[in-house]
């Protein structure tokens, strides 16, 4: 069951990353991000919400290494932590923020519980 969930989370990570990588304008709209006079924001979405997550998910699927899945969990912890801080300080629309938090904290919790990291 762990392998199935590891792979499902990796595929979800890749799918979400592909939106950021290939459709940054759509991703910006979904995330309520405003375009500016520069296209640097699109570049940032392609890099941080796109390519980074595609690469993380692919490494997990290709290697199948528990440490890789654990590090994906660490990445999700970082995202969930940033989301929590944003909910406290920035007051985004709570239903949307809570939904994204669940999509970050849930995988983080499972991946770190089920996969020994290099620190174990």
Protein backbone atom coordinates (compact mmCIF):
# COMPACT_ATOMS: atom_id res chain seq x y z
CA UNK A 1 0.00 0.00 0.00
CA UNK A 2 2.90 2.37 0.75
CA UNK A 3 4.25 1.97 -2.79
CA UNK A 4 0.84 2.76 -4.28
CA UNK A 5 0.41 5.91 -2.20
CA UNK A 6 4.02 7.00 -2.77
CA UNK A 7 3.52 6.71 -6.51
CA UNK A 8 0.09 8.38 -6.42
CA UNK A 9 1.53 11.37 -4.54
CA UNK A 10 4.43 11.54 -7.00
CA UNK A 11 2.04 11.50 -9.95
CA UNK A 12 -0.10 14.20 -8.33
CA UNK A 13 3.04 16.26 -7.75
CA UNK A 14 4.04 15.88 -11.40
CA UNK A 15 0.52 16.73 -12.61
CA UNK A 16 0.33 19.89 -10.51
CA UNK A 17 3.87 20.80 -11.56
CA UNK A 18 2.96 20.40 -15.23
CA UNK A 19 0.27 23.05 -14.82
CA UNK A 20 2.84 25.49 -13.46
CA UNK A 21 5.38 24.52 -16.11
CA UNK A 22 3.16 24.45 -19.19
CA UNK A 23 0.23 26.69 -18.24
CA UNK A 24 1.58 29.41 -15.95
CA UNK A 25 -1.17 31.89 -16.85
CA UNK A 26 -3.83 29.35 -15.87
CA UNK A 27 -1.89 28.53 -12.69
CA UNK A 28 -1.66 32.23 -11.85
CA UNK A 29 -5.42 32.56 -12.29
CA UNK A 30 -6.16 29.53 -10.07
CA UNK A 31 -3.80 30.86 -7.39
CA UNK A 32 -5.21 34.41 -7.58
CA UNK A 33 -1.88 35.83 -8.74
CA UNK A 34 -1.88 39.12 -10.62
CA UNK A 35 0.27 39.58 -13.73
CA UNK A 36 2.43 42.69 -13.82
CA UNK A 37 4.18 44.61 -16.57
CA UNK A 38 6.88 41.93 -16.60
CA UNK A 39 6.72 38.25 -17.49
CA UNK A 40 9.04 37.42 -14.58
CA UNK A 41 6.07 36.08 -12.62
CA UNK A 42 5.38 33.54 -15.35
CA UNK A 43 9.04 32.57 -15.24
CA UNK A 44 8.79 32.07 -11.48
CA UNK A 45 5.68 29.91 -11.82
CA UNK A 46 7.32 27.75 -14.48
CA UNK A 47 10.36 27.31 -12.23
CA UNK A 48 9.05 27.04 -8.66
CA UNK A 49 5.50 25.76 -9.16
CA UNK A 50 6.36 23.85 -12.31
CA UNK A 51 9.75 22.40 -13.08
CA UNK A 52 10.72 21.97 -9.44
CA UNK A 53 7.70 19.80 -8.65
CA UNK A 54 7.91 17.85 -11.90
CA UNK A 55 11.55 17.03 -11.14
CA UNK A 56 10.82 16.02 -7.54
CA UNK A 57 8.00 13.71 -8.59
CA UNK A 58 10.01 12.18 -11.43
CA UNK A 59 13.01 11.42 -9.22
CA UNK A 60 10.71 9.63 -6.79
CA UNK A 61 9.09 7.55 -9.54
CA UNK A 62 12.34 6.74 -11.34
CA UNK A 63 14.40 5.82 -8.27
CA UNK A 64 11.68 4.48 -5.99
CA UNK A 65 14.05 5.40 -3.16
CA UNK A 66 12.44 5.89 0.26
CA UNK A 67 14.81 8.82 0.86
CA UNK A 68 13.55 10.53 -2.29
CA UNK A 69 9.96 10.15 -1.14
CA UNK A 70 10.95 11.47 2.29
CA UNK A 71 12.52 14.53 0.69
CA UNK A 72 9.33 15.07 -1.32
CA UNK A 73 7.61 15.01 2.06
CA UNK A 74 10.03 17.67 3.30
CA UNK A 75 9.16 19.82 0.27
CA UNK A 76 5.48 19.47 1.12
CA UNK A 77 6.23 20.39 4.75
CA UNK A 78 7.85 23.57 3.47
CA UNK A 79 4.81 24.35 1.32
CA UNK A 80 2.39 23.65 4.18
CA UNK A 81 4.48 25.80 6.54
CA UNK A 82 4.46 28.69 4.08
CA UNK A 83 0.72 28.25 3.60
CA UNK A 84 0.14 28.31 7.36
CA UNK A 85 2.18 31.47 7.72
CA UNK A 86 0.23 33.05 4.85
CA UNK A 87 -3.10 32.14 6.46
CA UNK A 88 -1.99 33.83 9.69
CA UNK A 89 -0.31 36.92 8.24
CA UNK A 90 -1.91 37.49 4.85
CA UNK A 91 -5.49 36.26 5.40
CA UNK A 92 -6.08 34.73 1.95
CA UNK A 93 -9.55 33.33 1.15
CA UNK A 94 -9.67 30.66 3.85
CA UNK A 95 -11.60 27.91 2.02
CA UNK A 96 -9.12 28.02 -0.87
CA UNK A 97 -6.10 28.32 1.42
CA UNK A 98 -7.30 25.43 3.60
CA UNK A 99 -7.85 23.24 0.54
CA UNK A 100 -4.28 23.89 -0.66
CA UNK A 101 -3.00 23.35 2.89
CA UNK A 102 -4.68 19.93 2.94
CA UNK A 103 -3.07 19.07 -0.41
CA UNK A 104 0.31 19.95 1.11
CA UNK A 105 0.05 18.72 4.70
CA UNK A 106 -1.61 15.39 3.86
CA UNK A 107 1.09 14.18 1.48
CA UNK A 108 3.79 15.59 3.80
CA UNK A 109 2.48 13.61 6.75
CA UNK A 110 2.18 10.36 4.80
CA UNK A 111 5.50 10.62 3.00
CA UNK A 112 7.45 11.37 6.19
CA UNK A 113 5.64 8.69 8.18
CA UNK A 114 6.00 5.95 5.53
CA UNK A 115 9.50 6.60 4.19
CA UNK A 116 12.72 6.70 6.21
CA UNK A 117 14.75 9.69 5.21
CA UNK A 118 18.51 10.04 5.16
CA UNK A 119 18.28 11.25 8.78
CA UNK A 120 16.81 7.91 9.98
